[in-house]
PDB file of all heavy atoms in Angstrom:
ATOM      1  N   ILE A   1       0.863  -1.176  -0.075  1.00  0.00           N
ATOM      2  CA  ILE A   1      -0.059   0.011   0.026  1.00  0.00           C
ATOM      3  C   ILE A   1       0.824   1.302   0.006  1.00  0.00           C
ATOM      4  O   ILE A   1       0.577   2.192  -0.720  1.00  0.00           O
ATOM      5  CB  ILE A   1      -0.964  -0.077   1.219  1.00  0.00           C
ATOM      6  CG1 ILE A   1      -1.985  -1.185   1.098  1.00  0.00           C
ATOM      7  CG2 ILE A   1      -1.612   1.308   1.406  1.00  0.00           C
ATOM      8  CD1 ILE A   1      -2.758  -1.472   2.365  1.00  0.00           C
ATOM      9  N   PHE A   2       1.876   1.245   0.862  1.00  0.00           N
ATOM     10  CA  PHE A   2       2.876   2.487   0.824  1.00  0.00           C
ATOM     11  C   PHE A   2       3.613   2.615  -0.398  1.00  0.00           C
ATOM     12  O   PHE A   2       3.981   3.678  -0.811  1.00  0.00           O
ATOM     13  CB  PHE A   2       3.734   2.416   2.073  1.00  0.00           C
ATOM     14  CG  PHE A   2       2.824   2.911   3.354  1.00  0.00           C
ATOM     15  CD1 PHE A   2       2.200   1.998   4.183  1.00  0.00           C
ATOM     16  CD2 PHE A   2       2.891   4.318   3.683  1.00  0.00           C
ATOM     17  CE1 PHE A   2       1.591   2.545   5.312  1.00  0.00           C
ATOM     18  CE2 PHE A   2       2.227   4.737   4.782  1.00  0.00           C
ATOM     19  CZ  PHE A   2       1.576   3.911   5.572  1.00  0.00           C
ATOM     20  N   ASP A   3       3.871   1.473  -1.039  1.00  0.00           N
ATOM     21  CA  ASP A   3       4.614   1.566  -2.323  1.00  0.00           C
ATOM     22  C   ASP A   3       3.714   2.218  -3.386  1.00  0.00           C
ATOM     23  O   ASP A   3       4.040   3.094  -4.037  1.00  0.00           O
ATOM     24  CB  ASP A   3       4.957   0.153  -2.811  1.00  0.00           C
ATOM     25  CG  ASP A   3       6.157  -0.467  -2.082  1.00  0.00           C
ATOM     26  OD1 ASP A   3       6.823   0.338  -1.356  1.00  0.00           O
ATOM     27  OD2 ASP A   3       6.379  -1.613  -2.364  1.00  0.00           O
ATOM     28  N   THR A   4       2.505   1.884  -3.395  1.00  0.00           N
ATOM     29  CA  THR A   4       1.517   2.441  -4.243  1.00  0.00           C
ATOM     30  C   THR A   4       1.384   3.903  -4.069  1.00  0.00           C
ATOM     31  O   THR A   4       1.279   4.755  -4.946  1.00  0.00           O
ATOM     32  CB  THR A   4       0.143   1.688  -4.242  1.00  0.00           C
ATOM     33  OG1 THR A   4       0.421   0.350  -4.501  1.00  0.00           O
ATOM     34  CG2 THR A   4      -0.806   2.208  -5.307  1.00  0.00           C
ATOM     35  N   PHE A   5       1.173   4.283  -2.739  1.00  0.00           N
ATOM     36  CA  PHE A   5       1.110   5.713  -2.456  1.00  0.00           C
ATOM     37  C   PHE A   5       2.289   6.398  -2.783  1.00  0.00           C
ATOM     38  O   PHE A   5       2.124   7.631  -3.264  1.00  0.00           O
ATOM     39  CB  PHE A   5       0.840   5.748  -0.756  1.00  0.00           C
ATOM     40  CG  PHE A   5       0.599   7.193  -0.411  1.00  0.00           C
ATOM     41  CD1 PHE A   5      -0.604   7.797  -0.318  1.00  0.00           C
ATOM     42  CD2 PHE A   5       1.846   7.804   0.107  1.00  0.00           C
ATOM     43  CE1 PHE A   5      -0.834   9.128  -0.030  1.00  0.00           C
ATOM     44  CE2 PHE A   5       1.673   9.148   0.644  1.00  0.00           C
ATOM     45  CZ  PHE A   5       0.390   9.842   0.575  1.00  0.00           C
ATOM     46  N   GLY A   6       3.443   5.902  -2.515  1.00  0.00           N
ATOM     47  CA  GLY A   6       4.646   6.568  -2.780  1.00  0.00           C
ATOM     48  C   GLY A   6       4.913   6.953  -4.379  1.00  0.00           C
ATOM     49  O   GLY A   6       5.420   7.989  -4.717  1.00  0.00           O
ATOM     50  N   ALA A   7       4.291   6.114  -5.174  1.00  0.00           N
ATOM     51  CA  ALA A   7       4.318   6.370  -6.622  1.00  0.00           C
ATOM     52  C   ALA A   7       3.332   7.319  -7.119  1.00  0.00           C
ATOM     53  O   ALA A   7       3.427   7.679  -8.265  1.00  0.00           O
ATOM     54  CB  ALA A   7       4.110   5.000  -7.337  1.00  0.00           C
ATOM     55  N   LEU A   8       2.408   7.819  -6.274  1.00  0.00           N
ATOM     56  CA  LEU A   8       1.511   8.809  -6.795  1.00  0.00           C
ATOM     57  C   LEU A   8       2.121  10.140  -6.883  1.00  0.00           C
ATOM     58  O   LEU A   8       2.960  10.597  -6.164  1.00  0.00           O
ATOM     59  CB  LEU A   8       0.340   8.915  -5.694  1.00  0.00           C
ATOM     60  CG  LEU A   8      -0.694   7.752  -5.501  1.00  0.00           C
ATOM     61  CD1 LEU A   8      -1.531   8.178  -4.244  1.00  0.00           C
ATOM     62  CD2 LEU A   8      -1.374   7.451  -6.804  1.00  0.00           C
ATOM     63  N   PRO A   9       1.600  10.830  -7.881  1.00  0.00           N
ATOM     64  CA  PRO A   9       2.147  12.213  -7.989  1.00  0.00           C
ATOM     65  C   PRO A   9       1.275  13.104  -6.975  1.00  0.00           C
ATOM     66  O   PRO A   9       0.282  12.656  -6.394  1.00  0.00           O
ATOM     67  CB  PRO A   9       1.710  12.678  -9.385  1.00  0.00           C
ATOM     68  CG  PRO A   9       0.414  11.798  -9.752  1.00  0.00           C
ATOM     69  CD  PRO A   9       0.742  10.560  -9.034  1.00  0.00           C
ATOM     70  N   ASP A  10       1.716  14.214  -6.643  1.00  0.00           N
ATOM     71  CA  ASP A  10       0.999  15.176  -5.680  1.00  0.00           C
ATOM     72  C   ASP A  10      -0.364  15.356  -6.176  1.00  0.00           C
ATOM     73  O   ASP A  10      -0.588  15.732  -7.410  1.00  0.00           O
ATOM     74  CB  ASP A  10       1.634  16.450  -5.450  1.00  0.00           C
ATOM     75  CG  ASP A  10       3.021  16.224  -4.642  1.00  0.00           C
ATOM     76  OD1 ASP A  10       3.188  15.269  -3.919  1.00  0.00           O
ATOM     77  OD2 ASP A  10       3.846  17.241  -4.607  1.00  0.00           O
ATOM     78  N   GLY A  11      -1.460  15.148  -5.457  1.00  0.00           N
ATOM     79  CA  GLY A  11      -2.797  15.272  -5.914  1.00  0.00           C
ATOM     80  C   GLY A  11      -3.304  13.992  -6.437  1.00  0.00           C
ATOM     81  O   GLY A  11      -4.626  13.825  -6.772  1.00  0.00           O
ATOM     82  N   GLY A  12      -2.507  12.976  -6.648  1.00  0.00           N
ATOM     83  CA  GLY A  12      -2.974  11.675  -7.233  1.00  0.00           C
ATOM     84  C   GLY A  12      -3.756  10.948  -6.158  1.00  0.00           C
ATOM     85  O   GLY A  12      -3.646  11.096  -4.916  1.00  0.00           O
ATOM     86  N   THR A  13      -4.627   9.920  -6.643  1.00  0.00           N
ATOM     87  CA  THR A  13      -5.337   9.000  -5.691  1.00  0.00           C
ATOM     88  C   THR A  13      -5.253   7.594  -6.290  1.00  0.00           C
ATOM     89  O   THR A  13      -4.895   7.335  -7.386  1.00  0.00           O
ATOM     90  CB  THR A  13      -6.770   9.419  -5.594  1.00  0.00           C
ATOM     91  OG1 THR A  13      -7.396   9.288  -7.020  1.00  0.00           O
ATOM     92  CG2 THR A  13      -6.853  10.852  -5.189  1.00  0.00           C
ATOM     93  N   PHE A  14      -5.520   6.651  -5.416  1.00  0.00           N
ATOM     94  CA  PHE A  14      -5.767   5.373  -5.749  1.00  0.00           C
ATOM     95  C   PHE A  14      -6.894   4.806  -4.804  1.00  0.00           C
ATOM     96  O   PHE A  14      -7.112   5.298  -3.841  1.00  0.00           O
ATOM     97  CB  PHE A  14      -4.573   4.443  -5.735  1.00  0.00           C
ATOM     98  CG  PHE A  14      -4.036   4.121  -4.303  1.00  0.00           C
ATOM     99  CD1 PHE A  14      -4.406   2.766  -3.878  1.00  0.00           C
ATOM    100  CD2 PHE A  14      -3.318   4.892  -3.571  1.00  0.00           C
ATOM    101  CE1 PHE A  14      -3.923   2.401  -2.544  1.00  0.00           C
ATOM    102  CE2 PHE A  14      -2.888   4.591  -2.346  1.00  0.00           C
ATOM    103  CZ  PHE A  14      -3.182   3.274  -1.768  1.00  0.00           C
ATOM    104  N   VAL A  15      -7.551   3.717  -5.351  1.00  0.00           N
ATOM    105  CA  VAL A  15      -8.535   3.038  -4.556  1.00  0.00           C
ATOM    106  C   VAL A  15      -8.099   1.769  -3.820  1.00  0.00           C
ATOM    107  O   VAL A  15      -7.575   0.809  -4.661  1.00  0.00           O
ATOM    108  CB  VAL A  15      -9.808   2.672  -5.418  1.00  0.00           C
ATOM    109  CG1 VAL A  15     -10.883   1.914  -4.724  1.00  0.00           C
ATOM    110  CG2 VAL A  15     -10.354   4.028  -5.920  1.00  0.00           C
ATOM    111  N   LEU A  16      -8.092   1.661  -2.579  1.00  0.00           N
ATOM    112  CA  LEU A  16      -7.731   0.429  -1.957  1.00  0.00           C
ATOM    113  C   LEU A  16      -8.928  -0.442  -1.621  1.00  0.00           C
ATOM    114  O   LEU A  16      -9.975   0.096  -1.289  1.00  0.00           O
ATOM    115  CB  LEU A  16      -7.117   0.967  -0.459  1.00  0.00           C
ATOM    116  CG  LEU A  16      -6.725  -0.343   0.407  1.00  0.00           C
ATOM    117  CD1 LEU A  16      -5.563  -1.125  -0.133  1.00  0.00           C
ATOM    118  CD2 LEU A  16      -6.426   0.397   1.751  1.00  0.00           C
ATOM    119  N   VAL A  17      -8.672  -1.713  -1.962  1.00  0.00           N
ATOM    120  CA  VAL A  17      -9.832  -2.674  -1.764  1.00  0.00           C
ATOM    121  C   VAL A  17      -9.405  -3.630  -0.695  1.00  0.00           C
ATOM    122  O   VAL A  17      -8.339  -4.341  -0.836  1.00  0.00           O
ATOM    123  CB  VAL A  17     -10.215  -3.472  -3.107  1.00  0.00           C
ATOM    124  CG1 VAL A  17     -11.217  -4.487  -2.929  1.00  0.00           C
ATOM    125  CG2 VAL A  17     -10.479  -2.511  -4.213  1.00  0.00           C
ATOM    126  N   VAL A  18     -10.077  -3.822   0.323  1.00  0.00           N
ATOM    127  CA  VAL A  18      -9.805  -4.608   1.500  1.00  0.00           C
ATOM    128  C   VAL A  18     -10.923  -5.350   1.939  1.00  0.00           C
ATOM    129  O   VAL A  18     -12.077  -5.157   1.496  1.00  0.00           O
ATOM    130  CB  VAL A  18      -9.284  -3.788   2.537  1.00  0.00           C
ATOM    131  CG1 VAL A  18      -7.744  -3.340   2.393  1.00  0.00           C
ATOM    132  CG2 VAL A  18     -10.005  -2.633   2.991  1.00  0.00           C
ATOM    133  N   ASP A  19     -10.750  -6.280   2.946  1.00  0.00           N
ATOM    134  CA  ASP A  19     -11.821  -7.109   3.383  1.00  0.00           C
ATOM    135  C   ASP A  19     -12.278  -6.705   4.813  1.00  0.00           C
ATOM    136  O   ASP A  19     -13.025  -7.486   5.524  1.00  0.00           O
ATOM    137  CB  ASP A  19     -11.356  -8.655   3.404  1.00  0.00           C
ATOM    138  CG  ASP A  19     -10.064  -8.874   3.977  1.00  0.00           C
ATOM    139  OD1 ASP A  19      -9.531  -8.055   4.650  1.00  0.00           O
ATOM    140  OD2 ASP A  19      -9.473  -9.956   3.783  1.00  0.00           O
ATOM    141  N   HIS A  20     -11.787  -5.506   5.340  1.00  0.00           N
ATOM    142  CA  HIS A  20     -12.200  -5.158   6.610  1.00  0.00           C
ATOM    143  C   HIS A  20     -11.899  -3.621   6.742  1.00  0.00           C
ATOM    144  O   HIS A  20     -11.351  -3.108   5.782  1.00  0.00           O
ATOM    145  CB  HIS A  20     -11.390  -5.821   7.685  1.00  0.00           C
ATOM    146  CG  HIS A  20      -9.956  -5.571   7.750  1.00  0.00           C
ATOM    147  ND1 HIS A  20      -9.046  -6.121   6.739  1.00  0.00           N
ATOM    148  CD2 HIS A  20      -9.119  -4.707   8.310  1.00  0.00           C
ATOM    149  CE1 HIS A  20      -7.889  -5.710   6.869  1.00  0.00           C
ATOM    150  NE2 HIS A  20      -7.950  -4.946   7.940  1.00  0.00           N
ATOM    151  N   ASP A  21     -12.289  -3.008   7.735  1.00  0.00           N
ATOM    152  CA  ASP A  21     -12.014  -1.548   7.959  1.00  0.00           C
ATOM    153  C   ASP A  21     -10.547  -1.393   8.467  1.00  0.00           C
ATOM    154  O   ASP A  21     -10.257  -1.788   9.589  1.00  0.00           O
ATOM    155  CB  ASP A  21     -12.912  -0.981   8.974  1.00  0.00           C
ATOM    156  CG  ASP A  21     -12.742   0.568   9.177  1.00  0.00           C
ATOM    157  OD1 ASP A  21     -12.043   1.134   8.363  1.00  0.00           O
ATOM    158  OD2 ASP A  21     -13.532   1.120   9.914  1.00  0.00           O
ATOM    159  N   PRO A  22      -9.680  -0.811   7.516  1.00  0.00           N
ATOM    160  CA  PRO A  22      -8.239  -0.848   7.870  1.00  0.00           C
ATOM    161  C   PRO A  22      -7.749   0.322   8.754  1.00  0.00           C
ATOM    162  O   PRO A  22      -7.028   1.042   8.491  1.00  0.00           O
ATOM    163  CB  PRO A  22      -7.580  -0.861   6.473  1.00  0.00           C
ATOM    164  CG  PRO A  22      -8.541   0.111   5.799  1.00  0.00           C
ATOM    165  CD  PRO A  22      -9.980  -0.309   6.252  1.00  0.00           C
ATOM    166  N   GLN A  23      -8.387   0.306   9.980  1.00  0.00           N
ATOM    167  CA  GLN A  23      -7.957   1.373  10.919  1.00  0.00           C
ATOM    168  C   GLN A  23      -6.499   1.344  11.310  1.00  0.00           C
ATOM    169  O   GLN A  23      -5.826   2.361  11.463  1.00  0.00           O
ATOM    170  CB  GLN A  23      -8.910   1.428  12.122  1.00  0.00           C
ATOM    171  CG  GLN A  23     -10.326   1.922  11.825  1.00  0.00           C
ATOM    172  CD  GLN A  23     -10.237   3.365  11.318  1.00  0.00           C
ATOM    173  OE1 GLN A  23      -9.582   4.299  11.934  1.00  0.00           O
ATOM    174  NE2 GLN A  23     -11.007   3.646  10.352  1.00  0.00           N
ATOM    175  N   PRO A  24      -5.834   0.151  11.577  1.00  0.00           N
ATOM    176  CA  PRO A  24      -4.465   0.166  11.812  1.00  0.00           C
ATOM    177  C   PRO A  24      -3.654   0.789  10.607  1.00  0.00           C
ATOM    178  O   PRO A  24      -2.673   1.527  10.960  1.00  0.00           O
ATOM    179  CB  PRO A  24      -4.091  -1.427  11.957  1.00  0.00           C
ATOM    180  CG  PRO A  24      -5.430  -1.915  12.404  1.00  0.00           C
ATOM    181  CD  PRO A  24      -6.459  -1.175  11.690  1.00  0.00           C
ATOM    182  N   LEU A  25      -4.118   0.549   9.413  1.00  0.00           N
ATOM    183  CA  LEU A  25      -3.363   1.265   8.346  1.00  0.00           C
ATOM    184  C   LEU A  25      -3.562   2.726   8.420  1.00  0.00           C
ATOM    185  O   LEU A  25      -2.594   3.440   8.146  1.00  0.00           O
ATOM    186  CB  LEU A  25      -4.083   0.706   6.984  1.00  0.00           C
ATOM    187  CG  LEU A  25      -3.490   1.418   5.734  1.00  0.00           C
ATOM    188  CD1 LEU A  25      -2.006   1.126   5.489  1.00  0.00           C
ATOM    189  CD2 LEU A  25      -4.328   1.007   4.488  1.00  0.00           C
ATOM    190  N   ARG A  26      -4.717   3.293   8.742  1.00  0.00           N
ATOM    191  CA  ARG A  26      -4.908   4.659   8.823  1.00  0.00           C
ATOM    192  C   ARG A  26      -4.038   5.244   9.934  1.00  0.00           C
ATOM    193  O   ARG A  26      -3.382   6.356   9.716  1.00  0.00           O
ATOM    194  CB  ARG A  26      -6.315   5.009   9.073  1.00  0.00           C
ATOM    195  CG  ARG A  26      -6.646   6.381   8.951  1.00  0.00           C
ATOM    196  CD  ARG A  26      -8.152   6.709   8.907  1.00  0.00           C
ATOM    197  NE  ARG A  26      -8.485   8.135   8.693  1.00  0.00           N
ATOM    198  CZ  ARG A  26      -9.671   8.522   8.414  1.00  0.00           C
ATOM    199  NH1 ARG A  26     -10.721   7.741   8.509  1.00  0.00           N
ATOM    200  NH2 ARG A  26      -9.840   9.911   8.023  1.00  0.00           N
ATOM    201  N   ARG A  27      -3.848   4.528  11.005  1.00  0.00           N
ATOM    202  CA  ARG A  27      -2.992   5.003  12.135  1.00  0.00           C
ATOM    203  C   ARG A  27      -1.530   5.027  11.648  1.00  0.00           C
ATOM    204  O   ARG A  27      -0.715   5.888  12.013  1.00  0.00           O
ATOM    205  CB  ARG A  27      -3.139   4.215  13.355  1.00  0.00           C
ATOM    206  CG  ARG A  27      -4.514   4.420  14.115  1.00  0.00           C
ATOM    207  CD  ARG A  27      -4.484   3.738  15.453  1.00  0.00           C
ATOM    208  NE  ARG A  27      -4.466   2.240  15.424  1.00  0.00           N
ATOM    209  CZ  ARG A  27      -5.573   1.604  15.289  1.00  0.00           C
ATOM    210  NH1 ARG A  27      -6.811   2.117  15.293  1.00  0.00           N
ATOM    211  NH2 ARG A  27      -5.506   0.209  15.309  1.00  0.00           N
ATOM    212  N   HIS A  28      -1.071   4.068  10.752  1.00  0.00           N
ATOM    213  CA  HIS A  28       0.127   3.981  10.212  1.00  0.00           C
ATOM    214  C   HIS A  28       0.428   5.241   9.298  1.00  0.00           C
ATOM    215  O   HIS A  28       1.472   5.827   9.344  1.00  0.00           O
ATOM    216  CB  HIS A  28       0.362   2.787   9.404  1.00  0.00           C
ATOM    217  CG  HIS A  28       1.670   2.314   9.109  1.00  0.00           C
ATOM    218  ND1 HIS A  28       2.150   1.238   8.547  1.00  0.00           N
ATOM    219  CD2 HIS A  28       2.929   3.080   9.320  1.00  0.00           C
ATOM    220  CE1 HIS A  28       3.386   1.256   8.328  1.00  0.00           C
ATOM    221  NE2 HIS A  28       3.964   2.401   8.813  1.00  0.00           N
ATOM    222  N   PHE A  29      -0.621   5.588   8.572  1.00  0.00           N
ATOM    223  CA  PHE A  29      -0.587   6.831   7.688  1.00  0.00           C
ATOM    224  C   PHE A  29      -0.399   8.096   8.681  1.00  0.00           C
ATOM    225  O   PHE A  29       0.389   9.009   8.361  1.00  0.00           O
ATOM    226  CB  PHE A  29      -1.721   6.901   6.856  1.00  0.00           C
ATOM    227  CG  PHE A  29      -1.581   6.394   5.332  1.00  0.00           C
ATOM    228  CD1 PHE A  29      -2.070   4.984   5.228  1.00  0.00           C
ATOM    229  CD2 PHE A  29      -1.010   7.026   4.394  1.00  0.00           C
ATOM    230  CE1 PHE A  29      -1.944   4.434   3.880  1.00  0.00           C
ATOM    231  CE2 PHE A  29      -0.912   6.534   3.102  1.00  0.00           C
ATOM    232  CZ  PHE A  29      -1.241   5.270   2.972  1.00  0.00           C
ATOM    233  N   ASP A  30      -1.228   8.120   9.671  1.00  0.00           N
ATOM    234  CA  ASP A  30      -1.146   9.273  10.494  1.00  0.00           C
ATOM    235  C   ASP A  30       0.306   9.451  11.147  1.00  0.00           C
ATOM    236  O   ASP A  30       0.796  10.638  11.313  1.00  0.00           O
ATOM    237  CB  ASP A  30      -2.127   9.123  11.711  1.00  0.00           C
ATOM    238  CG  ASP A  30      -3.532   9.465  11.307  1.00  0.00           C
ATOM    239  OD1 ASP A  30      -3.621  10.236  10.267  1.00  0.00           O
ATOM    240  OD2 ASP A  30      -4.453   8.959  11.830  1.00  0.00           O
ATOM    241  N   LEU A  31       0.922   8.367  11.515  1.00  0.00           N
ATOM    242  CA  LEU A  31       2.247   8.298  12.054  1.00  0.00           C
ATOM    243  C   LEU A  31       3.378   8.687  10.997  1.00  0.00           C
ATOM    244  O   LEU A  31       4.191   9.480  11.307  1.00  0.00           O
ATOM    245  CB  LEU A  31       2.513   6.947  12.680  1.00  0.00           C
ATOM    246  CG  LEU A  31       3.947   6.735  13.341  1.00  0.00           C
ATOM    247  CD1 LEU A  31       4.115   7.631  14.608  1.00  0.00           C
ATOM    248  CD2 LEU A  31       4.161   5.301  13.650  1.00  0.00           C
ATOM    249  N   MET A  32       3.253   7.991   9.825  1.00  0.00           N
ATOM    250  CA  MET A  32       4.314   8.319   8.881  1.00  0.00           C
ATOM    251  C   MET A  32       4.061   9.446   8.083  1.00  0.00           C
ATOM    252  O   MET A  32       5.084  10.133   7.597  1.00  0.00           O
ATOM    253  CB  MET A  32       4.275   7.044   7.974  1.00  0.00           C
ATOM    254  CG  MET A  32       4.624   5.652   8.669  1.00  0.00           C
ATOM    255  SD  MET A  32       6.120   5.665   9.412  1.00  0.00           S
ATOM    256  CE  MET A  32       7.334   5.830   8.105  1.00  0.00           C
TER     257      MET A  32
END
């Protein structure tokens, strides 16, 4: 996920498809 995010240009987006609410991932984004 962070590889995909890192390849985005500023202002770019991607859609993440998961099988649960990824709150630990969101906390990881908040931290990093």
